[in-house]
Every structure is written in structure tokens, then in C-alpha cells.
């Protein structure tokens, strides 16, 4: 019965987001217990308190792009757009075009890149994050970047990963930038 309910939830998610959850179905096939553990850890990525949505989604998108999973990047972009992040801001995050981002998204991108790429500028950017959004905002960003990397890693490990080529934002196809060791200034 539990397996059937989970299958129905996966079907609805797939239809709602046009996203292949084959890797989740594989986990379910192997073990309901394993899927429950995976879901428990993934809840961390939904914690968003004390900061604007554009900064939170900037961290999620940037972390996902670092892992180079196209379907995951598309999913996060779709969720962000449905959650009210303007398409232009999302395009800016995806292409690293600072001119299109608002200040919150720009700080979210710069901080996430610095942290995940172990850039020494992470320290000064962390201070900026704390100054803007406090400890709860910092925690929200930390959870967002950590959880966002888990999904692509799981997909690639199970053989379901696909590299990022383009992402649909609004009515446009956007080619995301490859995240390298460089970190833009805010």
C-alpha cells in the first residue's frame, strides 16, 4: 500500500514538473526504507527562512549547476519561476550575467560559488550574508547549497545523470554557464 501511494506521488510530481523521477523509482524499487531516508535528508533543501527567494534560488541553482545536471537545473528553475522569481533574474543566475540579477541573487550566487569552489572570498561574502540576512539566512543558504548537490550526485551515481545543455525560463531557452573556479564580485 505504501509503495503504491509513493508511486502515485511520483507520478503527480513527474506530470507537474515534466521531470523524470526514474532515479527515485529505482530507489523505491530497491528499498522503501532507503527512499524514506533519502526523503528525510532532502527536506533540508526546503528550509528557507530569513532571506529573499531570489537569493535562496540563486544558491540552489548555482549548486545544481556546479554538479552539471541539466534536468535538475531545469527543475529548480521551474520551481523558482513558479515561486515568483522573475525570469530575467533566473536568466542572470543561469548565465552569470550580473546585470540581470537583483542584489540578493547576485550575493547568493557569489557566496555559493565561493563556498563550493573553496574560494577564500567566502569569508568576506559570509559576512555580507550575515549583514543582510542574519544567521537564519546563512543557514538557509547553507542548506540550499548542500541539498541541491545531493540530487545530481544521486542521479549520476545511479546512472541517471545528464549534463546541462539548456534550460527553459519563461519563453526562452537559456544556455547555463559552466561554473569554473572564478567567483564574480558582488
N, C-alpha and C. Protein backbone atom coordinates (compact mmCIF):
# COMPACT_ATOMS: atom_id res chain seq x y z
N UNK A 1 0.82 -1.20 0.00
CA UNK A 1 0.00 0.00 0.00
C UNK A 1 0.86 1.27 0.00
N UNK A 2 1.89 1.28 0.86
CA UNK A 2 2.79 2.44 0.93
C UNK A 2 3.50 2.65 -0.40
N UNK A 3 3.98 1.58 -0.98
CA UNK A 3 4.67 1.67 -2.26
C UNK A 3 3.74 2.26 -3.33
N UNK A 4 2.49 1.85 -3.35
CA UNK A 4 1.50 2.34 -4.31
C UNK A 4 1.27 3.85 -4.11
N UNK A 5 1.15 4.29 -2.84
CA UNK A 5 0.95 5.72 -2.56
C UNK A 5 2.15 6.54 -3.03
N UNK A 6 3.32 6.03 -2.78
CA UNK A 6 4.54 6.73 -3.21
C UNK A 6 4.58 6.81 -4.73
N UNK A 7 4.22 5.72 -5.41
CA UNK A 7 4.18 5.72 -6.88
C UNK A 7 3.24 6.82 -7.39
N UNK A 8 2.08 6.97 -6.78
CA UNK A 8 1.11 7.99 -7.19
C UNK A 8 1.69 9.39 -6.98
N UNK A 9 2.40 9.60 -5.87
CA UNK A 9 3.03 10.90 -5.62
C UNK A 9 4.11 11.18 -6.67
N UNK A 10 4.88 10.17 -7.01
CA UNK A 10 5.92 10.34 -8.03
C UNK A 10 5.30 10.64 -9.38
N UNK A 11 4.21 9.95 -9.72
CA UNK A 11 3.50 10.22 -10.97
C UNK A 11 3.06 11.68 -11.04
N UNK A 12 2.47 12.17 -9.94
CA UNK A 12 1.98 13.55 -9.90
C UNK A 12 3.13 14.55 -10.03
N UNK A 13 4.24 14.28 -9.35
CA UNK A 13 5.40 15.17 -9.44
C UNK A 13 5.94 15.21 -10.86
N UNK A 14 6.05 14.03 -11.47
CA UNK A 14 6.55 13.94 -12.85
C UNK A 14 5.68 14.76 -13.80
N UNK A 15 4.37 14.60 -13.68
CA UNK A 15 3.44 15.36 -14.55
C UNK A 15 3.50 16.85 -14.24
N UNK A 16 3.53 17.20 -12.98
CA UNK A 16 3.50 18.60 -12.57
C UNK A 16 4.72 19.40 -12.99
N UNK A 17 5.86 18.74 -13.05
CA UNK A 17 7.10 19.45 -13.37
C UNK A 17 7.77 18.96 -14.65
N UNK A 18 7.15 18.02 -15.35
CA UNK A 18 7.75 17.46 -16.55
C UNK A 18 9.20 17.04 -16.27
N UNK A 19 9.36 16.25 -15.22
CA UNK A 19 10.67 15.87 -14.72
C UNK A 19 10.71 14.36 -14.51
N UNK A 20 11.70 13.71 -15.05
CA UNK A 20 11.85 12.27 -14.94
C UNK A 20 12.37 11.89 -13.54
N UNK A 21 11.55 11.17 -12.79
CA UNK A 21 11.95 10.73 -11.46
C UNK A 21 12.38 9.26 -11.46
N UNK A 22 12.93 8.81 -12.58
CA UNK A 22 13.36 7.43 -12.71
C UNK A 22 14.34 7.00 -11.62
N UNK A 23 15.24 7.89 -11.23
CA UNK A 23 16.19 7.54 -10.18
C UNK A 23 15.49 7.33 -8.85
N UNK A 24 14.43 8.09 -8.58
CA UNK A 24 13.66 7.91 -7.34
C UNK A 24 12.90 6.59 -7.40
N UNK A 25 12.36 6.28 -8.56
CA UNK A 25 11.67 4.99 -8.72
C UNK A 25 12.63 3.83 -8.50
N UNK A 26 13.88 4.00 -8.94
CA UNK A 26 14.88 2.96 -8.72
C UNK A 26 15.16 2.78 -7.23
N UNK A 27 15.27 3.89 -6.51
CA UNK A 27 15.47 3.80 -5.06
C UNK A 27 14.28 3.08 -4.43
N UNK A 28 13.07 3.45 -4.82
CA UNK A 28 11.87 2.81 -4.30
C UNK A 28 11.86 1.32 -4.61
N UNK A 29 12.28 0.96 -5.81
CA UNK A 29 12.36 -0.46 -6.21
C UNK A 29 13.30 -1.24 -5.29
N UNK A 30 14.40 -0.61 -4.95
CA UNK A 30 15.40 -1.27 -4.11
C UNK A 30 14.91 -1.38 -2.67
N UNK A 31 14.39 -0.25 -2.13
CA UNK A 31 14.02 -0.26 -0.72
C UNK A 31 13.15 0.95 -0.36
N UNK A 32 11.98 0.67 0.18
CA UNK A 32 11.12 1.76 0.68
C UNK A 32 11.84 2.49 1.80
N UNK A 33 12.52 1.73 2.65
CA UNK A 33 13.26 2.33 3.78
C UNK A 33 14.32 3.30 3.26
N UNK A 34 15.04 2.90 2.21
CA UNK A 34 16.07 3.78 1.64
C UNK A 34 15.45 5.05 1.11
N UNK A 35 14.29 4.94 0.44
CA UNK A 35 13.64 6.14 -0.08
C UNK A 35 13.18 7.06 1.04
N UNK A 36 12.71 6.48 2.13
CA UNK A 36 12.29 7.30 3.28
C UNK A 36 13.48 8.07 3.85
N UNK A 37 14.63 7.43 3.89
CA UNK A 37 15.84 8.10 4.38
C UNK A 37 16.26 9.22 3.43
N UNK A 38 16.20 8.93 2.14
CA UNK A 38 16.53 9.93 1.12
C UNK A 38 15.60 11.13 1.24
N UNK A 39 14.31 10.88 1.39
CA UNK A 39 13.34 11.98 1.53
C UNK A 39 13.58 12.78 2.80
N UNK A 40 13.95 12.11 3.87
CA UNK A 40 14.20 12.82 5.13
C UNK A 40 15.35 13.80 4.97
N UNK A 41 16.42 13.38 4.30
CA UNK A 41 17.57 14.25 4.08
C UNK A 41 17.19 15.39 3.12
N UNK A 42 16.39 15.09 2.11
CA UNK A 42 16.05 16.10 1.11
C UNK A 42 15.19 17.23 1.68
N UNK A 43 14.52 17.00 2.79
CA UNK A 43 13.69 18.05 3.41
C UNK A 43 14.54 19.26 3.81
N UNK A 44 15.80 19.04 4.08
CA UNK A 44 16.70 20.13 4.44
C UNK A 44 16.69 21.21 3.35
N UNK A 45 16.58 20.80 2.10
CA UNK A 45 16.63 21.73 0.98
C UNK A 45 15.40 22.61 0.85
N UNK A 46 14.37 22.36 1.63
CA UNK A 46 13.17 23.20 1.57
C UNK A 46 13.15 24.26 2.66
N UNK A 47 14.18 24.32 3.45
CA UNK A 47 14.27 25.31 4.53
C UNK A 47 14.69 26.65 3.94
N UNK A 48 13.80 27.61 4.02
CA UNK A 48 14.10 28.95 3.51
C UNK A 48 13.49 29.99 4.45
N UNK A 49 14.31 30.48 5.34
CA UNK A 49 13.84 31.48 6.32
C UNK A 49 14.87 32.60 6.42
N UNK A 50 14.37 33.81 6.45
CA UNK A 50 15.24 34.95 6.70
C UNK A 50 15.95 35.52 5.50
N UNK A 51 15.60 35.07 4.29
CA UNK A 51 16.23 35.67 3.13
C UNK A 51 15.26 35.65 1.95
N UNK A 52 15.50 36.52 0.97
CA UNK A 52 14.62 36.59 -0.20
C UNK A 52 14.71 35.33 -1.06
N UNK A 53 13.62 35.05 -1.74
CA UNK A 53 13.56 33.86 -2.60
C UNK A 53 14.63 33.90 -3.70
N UNK A 54 14.92 35.09 -4.24
CA UNK A 54 15.90 35.14 -5.32
C UNK A 54 17.28 34.71 -4.84
N UNK A 55 17.65 35.04 -3.61
CA UNK A 55 18.94 34.61 -3.06
C UNK A 55 18.94 33.11 -2.82
N UNK A 56 17.82 32.59 -2.29
CA UNK A 56 17.71 31.16 -1.99
C UNK A 56 17.79 30.34 -3.27
N UNK A 57 17.03 30.75 -4.29
CA UNK A 57 17.08 30.03 -5.55
C UNK A 57 18.42 30.22 -6.26
N UNK A 58 19.06 31.35 -6.06
CA UNK A 58 20.40 31.55 -6.64
C UNK A 58 21.36 30.51 -6.08
N UNK A 59 21.27 30.25 -4.78
CA UNK A 59 22.13 29.23 -4.17
C UNK A 59 21.79 27.85 -4.70
N UNK A 60 20.50 27.54 -4.79
CA UNK A 60 20.08 26.23 -5.27
C UNK A 60 20.51 26.00 -6.72
N UNK A 61 20.27 27.00 -7.57
CA UNK A 61 20.64 26.86 -8.98
C UNK A 61 22.15 26.77 -9.17
N UNK A 62 22.88 27.61 -8.48
CA UNK A 62 24.33 27.61 -8.62
C UNK A 62 24.92 26.27 -8.16
N UNK A 63 24.46 25.77 -7.03
CA UNK A 63 24.95 24.48 -6.54
C UNK A 63 24.60 23.36 -7.51
N UNK A 64 23.41 23.41 -8.07
CA UNK A 64 23.00 22.39 -9.03
C UNK A 64 23.83 22.47 -10.30
N UNK A 65 24.09 23.69 -10.76
CA UNK A 65 24.90 23.86 -11.98
C UNK A 65 26.33 23.38 -11.76
N UNK A 66 26.87 23.54 -10.57
CA UNK A 66 28.21 23.05 -10.28
C UNK A 66 28.26 21.54 -10.45
N UNK A 67 27.16 20.87 -10.14
CA UNK A 67 27.08 19.42 -10.29
C UNK A 67 26.74 19.00 -11.73
N UNK A 68 26.44 19.95 -12.59
CA UNK A 68 26.20 19.74 -14.02
C UNK A 68 25.10 18.72 -14.31
N UNK A 69 23.93 18.94 -13.73
CA UNK A 69 22.79 18.09 -14.05
C UNK A 69 21.71 18.95 -14.69
N UNK A 70 21.53 18.78 -15.99
CA UNK A 70 20.56 19.58 -16.74
C UNK A 70 19.13 19.44 -16.25
N UNK A 71 18.62 18.21 -16.09
CA UNK A 71 17.25 18.06 -15.61
C UNK A 71 17.04 18.67 -14.22
N UNK A 72 18.03 18.54 -13.35
CA UNK A 72 17.91 19.13 -12.01
C UNK A 72 17.91 20.66 -12.10
N UNK A 73 18.76 21.20 -12.95
CA UNK A 73 18.80 22.66 -13.13
C UNK A 73 17.46 23.15 -13.67
N UNK A 74 16.91 22.44 -14.64
CA UNK A 74 15.61 22.81 -15.18
C UNK A 74 14.54 22.76 -14.10
N UNK A 75 14.55 21.73 -13.28
CA UNK A 75 13.55 21.60 -12.21
C UNK A 75 13.63 22.77 -11.24
N UNK A 76 14.83 23.13 -10.80
CA UNK A 76 14.98 24.24 -9.86
C UNK A 76 14.56 25.55 -10.51
N UNK A 77 14.91 25.75 -11.77
CA UNK A 77 14.49 26.97 -12.48
C UNK A 77 12.97 27.05 -12.58
N UNK A 78 12.34 25.94 -12.89
CA UNK A 78 10.87 25.90 -12.98
C UNK A 78 10.24 26.20 -11.63
N UNK A 79 10.77 25.60 -10.58
CA UNK A 79 10.25 25.85 -9.23
C UNK A 79 10.42 27.33 -8.86
N UNK A 80 11.58 27.89 -9.18
CA UNK A 80 11.84 29.29 -8.87
C UNK A 80 10.87 30.21 -9.60
N UNK A 81 10.66 29.93 -10.87
CA UNK A 81 9.75 30.75 -11.66
C UNK A 81 8.33 30.66 -11.10
N UNK A 82 7.89 29.46 -10.77
CA UNK A 82 6.56 29.28 -10.18
C UNK A 82 6.44 29.94 -8.82
N UNK A 83 7.58 30.09 -8.15
CA UNK A 83 7.60 30.71 -6.82
C UNK A 83 7.77 32.23 -6.91
N UNK A 84 7.77 32.77 -8.12
CA UNK A 84 7.76 34.22 -8.28
C UNK A 84 9.08 34.88 -8.58
N UNK A 85 10.15 34.12 -8.76
CA UNK A 85 11.42 34.75 -9.14
C UNK A 85 11.31 35.15 -10.61
N UNK A 86 11.54 36.41 -10.92
CA UNK A 86 11.38 36.89 -12.30
C UNK A 86 12.29 36.14 -13.29
N UNK A 87 11.77 35.86 -14.48
CA UNK A 87 12.57 35.16 -15.49
C UNK A 87 13.91 35.83 -15.77
N UNK A 88 13.96 37.16 -15.81
CA UNK A 88 15.22 37.85 -16.09
C UNK A 88 16.26 37.54 -15.01
N UNK A 89 15.83 37.51 -13.76
CA UNK A 89 16.75 37.19 -12.66
C UNK A 89 17.26 35.77 -12.81
N UNK A 90 16.37 34.84 -13.15
CA UNK A 90 16.77 33.45 -13.36
C UNK A 90 17.75 33.34 -14.52
N UNK A 91 17.50 34.07 -15.59
CA UNK A 91 18.43 34.06 -16.72
C UNK A 91 19.79 34.58 -16.29
N UNK A 92 19.79 35.62 -15.46
CA UNK A 92 21.05 36.15 -14.95
C UNK A 92 21.82 35.15 -14.12
N UNK A 93 21.10 34.43 -13.26
CA UNK A 93 21.74 33.40 -12.43
C UNK A 93 22.33 32.31 -13.33
N UNK A 94 21.54 31.85 -14.28
CA UNK A 94 21.96 30.75 -15.15
C UNK A 94 23.15 31.10 -16.05
N UNK A 95 23.21 32.34 -16.48
CA UNK A 95 24.26 32.76 -17.41
C UNK A 95 25.37 33.56 -16.75
N UNK A 96 25.27 33.75 -15.43
CA UNK A 96 26.23 34.57 -14.68
C UNK A 96 26.27 36.00 -15.20
N UNK A 97 25.12 36.50 -15.63
CA UNK A 97 25.01 37.89 -16.10
C UNK A 97 24.54 38.75 -14.93
N UNK A 98 25.48 39.39 -14.28
CA UNK A 98 25.22 40.21 -13.09
C UNK A 98 24.19 41.31 -13.36
N UNK A 99 24.15 41.82 -14.58
CA UNK A 99 23.23 42.91 -14.93
C UNK A 99 21.76 42.47 -14.81
N UNK A 100 21.49 41.20 -15.02
CA UNK A 100 20.11 40.71 -14.95
C UNK A 100 19.66 40.34 -13.54
N UNK A 101 20.63 40.11 -12.66
CA UNK A 101 20.29 39.69 -11.29
C UNK A 101 19.95 40.88 -10.41
N UNK A 102 19.08 40.63 -9.42
CA UNK A 102 18.92 41.64 -8.38
C UNK A 102 20.07 41.46 -7.38
N UNK A 103 20.21 42.39 -6.45
CA UNK A 103 21.33 42.35 -5.50
C UNK A 103 21.32 41.07 -4.67
N UNK A 104 20.13 40.61 -4.27
CA UNK A 104 20.02 39.41 -3.45
C UNK A 104 20.51 38.18 -4.21
N UNK A 105 20.08 38.04 -5.45
CA UNK A 105 20.52 36.90 -6.26
C UNK A 105 22.03 36.96 -6.49
N UNK A 106 22.55 38.14 -6.75
CA UNK A 106 23.98 38.28 -7.00
C UNK A 106 24.80 37.84 -5.78
N UNK A 107 24.36 38.23 -4.60
CA UNK A 107 25.07 37.81 -3.39
C UNK A 107 24.92 36.30 -3.20
N UNK A 108 23.74 35.76 -3.46
CA UNK A 108 23.53 34.31 -3.34
C UNK A 108 24.43 33.53 -4.27
N UNK A 109 24.57 33.99 -5.51
CA UNK A 109 25.44 33.33 -6.49
C UNK A 109 26.90 33.43 -6.05
N UNK A 110 27.34 34.62 -5.73
CA UNK A 110 28.75 34.82 -5.37
C UNK A 110 29.13 34.01 -4.14
N UNK A 111 28.28 34.01 -3.13
CA UNK A 111 28.58 33.28 -1.91
C UNK A 111 28.60 31.76 -2.17
N UNK A 112 27.62 31.28 -2.90
CA UNK A 112 27.55 29.85 -3.19
C UNK A 112 28.77 29.39 -3.97
N UNK A 113 29.13 30.14 -5.01
CA UNK A 113 30.32 29.77 -5.79
C UNK A 113 31.57 29.78 -4.91
N UNK A 114 31.71 30.81 -4.10
CA UNK A 114 32.90 30.90 -3.25
C UNK A 114 32.97 29.73 -2.27
N UNK A 115 31.85 29.40 -1.66
CA UNK A 115 31.84 28.29 -0.70
C UNK A 115 32.14 26.97 -1.40
N UNK A 116 31.42 26.67 -2.47
CA UNK A 116 31.54 25.37 -3.11
C UNK A 116 32.85 25.19 -3.87
N UNK A 117 33.44 26.30 -4.30
CA UNK A 117 34.72 26.21 -5.01
C UNK A 117 35.90 26.52 -4.09
N UNK A 118 35.61 26.64 -2.79
CA UNK A 118 36.62 26.85 -1.74
C UNK A 118 37.47 28.09 -2.00
N UNK A 119 36.80 29.13 -2.47
CA UNK A 119 37.47 30.40 -2.73
C UNK A 119 37.60 31.16 -1.41
N UNK A 120 38.77 31.75 -1.14
CA UNK A 120 38.96 32.49 0.12
C UNK A 120 37.99 33.66 0.30
N UNK A 121 37.41 34.13 -0.79
CA UNK A 121 36.45 35.24 -0.67
C UNK A 121 35.17 34.82 0.04
N UNK A 122 35.01 33.54 0.29
CA UNK A 122 33.81 33.07 1.00
C UNK A 122 33.69 33.74 2.37
N UNK A 123 34.82 34.01 3.02
CA UNK A 123 34.78 34.62 4.35
C UNK A 123 34.15 36.02 4.31
N UNK A 124 34.59 36.86 3.39
CA UNK A 124 34.02 38.21 3.32
C UNK A 124 32.57 38.17 2.81
N UNK A 125 32.29 37.25 1.91
CA UNK A 125 30.91 37.12 1.42
C UNK A 125 29.98 36.61 2.52
N UNK A 126 30.49 35.72 3.38
CA UNK A 126 29.70 35.23 4.51
C UNK A 126 29.33 36.40 5.43
N UNK A 127 30.27 37.29 5.63
CA UNK A 127 29.98 38.47 6.46
C UNK A 127 28.89 39.33 5.81
N UNK A 128 28.92 39.45 4.50
CA UNK A 128 27.88 40.20 3.80
C UNK A 128 26.52 39.50 3.96
N UNK A 129 26.50 38.19 3.83
CA UNK A 129 25.27 37.42 4.00
C UNK A 129 24.73 37.63 5.41
N UNK A 130 25.60 37.53 6.40
CA UNK A 130 25.16 37.74 7.79
C UNK A 130 24.63 39.16 7.99
N UNK A 131 25.28 40.13 7.38
CA UNK A 131 24.83 41.51 7.49
C UNK A 131 23.47 41.74 6.84
N UNK A 132 23.20 41.04 5.77
CA UNK A 132 21.92 41.21 5.06
C UNK A 132 20.80 40.38 5.68
N UNK A 133 21.09 39.12 6.02
CA UNK A 133 20.02 38.18 6.37
C UNK A 133 20.20 37.46 7.69
N UNK A 134 21.28 37.73 8.40
CA UNK A 134 21.48 37.12 9.70
C UNK A 134 21.81 35.64 9.63
N UNK A 135 21.86 35.03 10.80
CA UNK A 135 22.25 33.62 10.90
C UNK A 135 21.23 32.69 10.26
N UNK A 136 19.95 33.03 10.36
CA UNK A 136 18.94 32.17 9.76
C UNK A 136 19.03 32.19 8.23
N UNK A 137 19.30 33.36 7.67
CA UNK A 137 19.50 33.44 6.23
C UNK A 137 20.73 32.66 5.78
N UNK A 138 21.80 32.75 6.57
CA UNK A 138 23.02 31.99 6.27
C UNK A 138 22.73 30.49 6.30
N UNK A 139 22.00 30.05 7.31
CA UNK A 139 21.65 28.64 7.42
C UNK A 139 20.79 28.19 6.24
N UNK A 140 19.85 29.03 5.83
CA UNK A 140 19.01 28.70 4.67
C UNK A 140 19.86 28.52 3.42
N UNK A 141 20.84 29.40 3.22
CA UNK A 141 21.73 29.26 2.06
C UNK A 141 22.58 28.00 2.16
N UNK A 142 23.09 27.71 3.36
CA UNK A 142 23.91 26.51 3.55
C UNK A 142 23.10 25.25 3.25
N UNK A 143 21.87 25.19 3.76
CA UNK A 143 21.02 24.04 3.49
C UNK A 143 20.70 23.95 2.00
N UNK A 144 20.40 25.08 1.36
CA UNK A 144 20.06 25.08 -0.06
C UNK A 144 21.20 24.53 -0.91
N UNK A 145 22.42 25.00 -0.65
CA UNK A 145 23.53 24.53 -1.47
C UNK A 145 23.87 23.07 -1.18
N UNK A 146 23.77 22.65 0.06
CA UNK A 146 24.08 21.26 0.41
C UNK A 146 23.07 20.30 -0.21
N UNK A 147 21.79 20.58 -0.01
CA UNK A 147 20.74 19.69 -0.52
C UNK A 147 20.72 19.67 -2.05
N UNK A 148 20.96 20.80 -2.67
CA UNK A 148 20.91 20.88 -4.13
C UNK A 148 21.97 20.02 -4.80
N UNK A 149 23.06 19.79 -4.14
CA UNK A 149 24.12 18.96 -4.70
C UNK A 149 23.82 17.47 -4.55
N UNK A 150 22.96 17.14 -3.58
CA UNK A 150 22.65 15.74 -3.31
C UNK A 150 21.92 15.08 -4.48
N UNK A 151 20.98 15.77 -5.08
CA UNK A 151 20.16 15.17 -6.14
C UNK A 151 20.98 14.81 -7.38
N UNK A 152 21.77 15.74 -7.93
CA UNK A 152 22.59 15.36 -9.08
C UNK A 152 23.58 14.24 -8.75
N UNK A 153 24.15 14.29 -7.57
CA UNK A 153 25.10 13.25 -7.18
C UNK A 153 24.42 11.88 -7.16
N UNK A 154 23.24 11.82 -6.58
CA UNK A 154 22.49 10.57 -6.53
C UNK A 154 22.14 10.10 -7.94
N UNK A 155 21.68 11.04 -8.78
CA UNK A 155 21.31 10.67 -10.15
C UNK A 155 22.50 10.12 -10.93
N UNK A 156 23.64 10.81 -10.86
CA UNK A 156 24.81 10.34 -11.59
C UNK A 156 25.30 9.00 -11.03
N UNK A 157 25.27 8.83 -9.72
CA UNK A 157 25.73 7.58 -9.12
C UNK A 157 24.87 6.40 -9.57
N UNK A 158 23.57 6.62 -9.74
CA UNK A 158 22.66 5.55 -10.15
C UNK A 158 22.55 5.42 -11.68
N UNK A 159 23.26 6.28 -12.42
CA UNK A 159 23.27 6.18 -13.87
C UNK A 159 22.16 6.95 -14.56
N UNK A 160 21.60 7.96 -13.88
CA UNK A 160 20.51 8.75 -14.44
C UNK A 160 20.91 10.19 -14.74
N UNK A 161 22.16 10.56 -14.52
CA UNK A 161 22.60 11.94 -14.71
C UNK A 161 22.71 12.30 -16.18
N UNK A 162 22.39 13.57 -16.48
CA UNK A 162 22.54 14.10 -17.83
C UNK A 162 23.10 15.51 -17.72
N UNK A 163 24.10 15.80 -18.52
CA UNK A 163 24.75 17.10 -18.47
C UNK A 163 23.79 18.21 -18.89
N UNK A 164 24.07 19.37 -18.40
CA UNK A 164 23.23 20.53 -18.65
C UNK A 164 23.56 21.15 -20.02
N UNK A 165 22.53 21.33 -20.84
CA UNK A 165 22.71 21.93 -22.16
C UNK A 165 21.95 23.25 -22.23
N UNK A 166 20.64 23.21 -22.01
CA UNK A 166 19.86 24.45 -21.97
C UNK A 166 18.71 24.29 -20.99
N UNK A 167 18.23 25.42 -20.52
CA UNK A 167 17.17 25.47 -19.53
C UNK A 167 16.10 26.42 -20.03
N UNK A 168 14.86 26.02 -19.92
CA UNK A 168 13.73 26.85 -20.35
C UNK A 168 13.34 27.77 -19.20
N UNK A 169 13.37 29.07 -19.45
CA UNK A 169 12.95 30.07 -18.47
C UNK A 169 11.97 30.99 -19.17
N UNK A 170 10.74 31.04 -18.68
CA UNK A 170 9.72 31.80 -19.37
C UNK A 170 9.53 31.20 -20.75
N UNK A 171 9.67 32.01 -21.74
CA UNK A 171 9.50 31.54 -23.12
C UNK A 171 10.85 31.37 -23.85
N UNK A 172 11.96 31.45 -23.09
CA UNK A 172 13.29 31.40 -23.71
C UNK A 172 14.07 30.17 -23.27
N UNK A 173 14.89 29.67 -24.17
CA UNK A 173 15.88 28.66 -23.82
C UNK A 173 17.16 29.39 -23.46
N UNK A 174 17.69 29.06 -22.29
CA UNK A 174 18.89 29.72 -21.78
C UNK A 174 19.99 28.68 -21.67
N UNK A 175 21.16 29.02 -22.15
CA UNK A 175 22.31 28.12 -22.05
C UNK A 175 23.08 28.51 -20.78
N UNK A 176 23.01 27.66 -19.74
CA UNK A 176 23.71 27.99 -18.49
C UNK A 176 25.21 28.03 -18.67
N UNK A 177 25.86 28.90 -17.92
CA UNK A 177 27.32 28.98 -17.96
C UNK A 177 27.89 27.79 -17.20
N UNK A 178 29.06 27.39 -17.59
CA UNK A 178 29.77 26.36 -16.84
C UNK A 178 30.43 27.06 -15.66
N UNK A 179 30.24 26.53 -14.49
CA UNK A 179 30.80 27.15 -13.29
C UNK A 179 32.24 26.69 -13.15
N UNK A 180 33.15 27.68 -13.14
CA UNK A 180 34.56 27.38 -13.04
C UNK A 180 35.08 27.92 -11.71
N UNK A 181 36.37 28.00 -11.59
CA UNK A 181 36.95 28.43 -10.34
C UNK A 181 36.84 29.93 -10.08
N UNK A 182 36.42 30.70 -11.06
CA UNK A 182 36.29 32.13 -10.87
C UNK A 182 35.04 32.49 -10.09
N UNK A 183 35.14 33.49 -9.24
CA UNK A 183 33.99 33.97 -8.45
C UNK A 183 33.84 35.46 -8.75
N UNK A 184 32.66 35.83 -9.20
CA UNK A 184 32.43 37.23 -9.50
C UNK A 184 32.29 38.03 -8.21
N UNK A 185 32.64 39.27 -8.28
CA UNK A 185 32.42 40.17 -7.16
C UNK A 185 30.95 40.57 -7.13
N UNK A 186 30.46 40.87 -5.96
CA UNK A 186 29.06 41.28 -5.83
C UNK A 186 28.92 42.72 -6.22
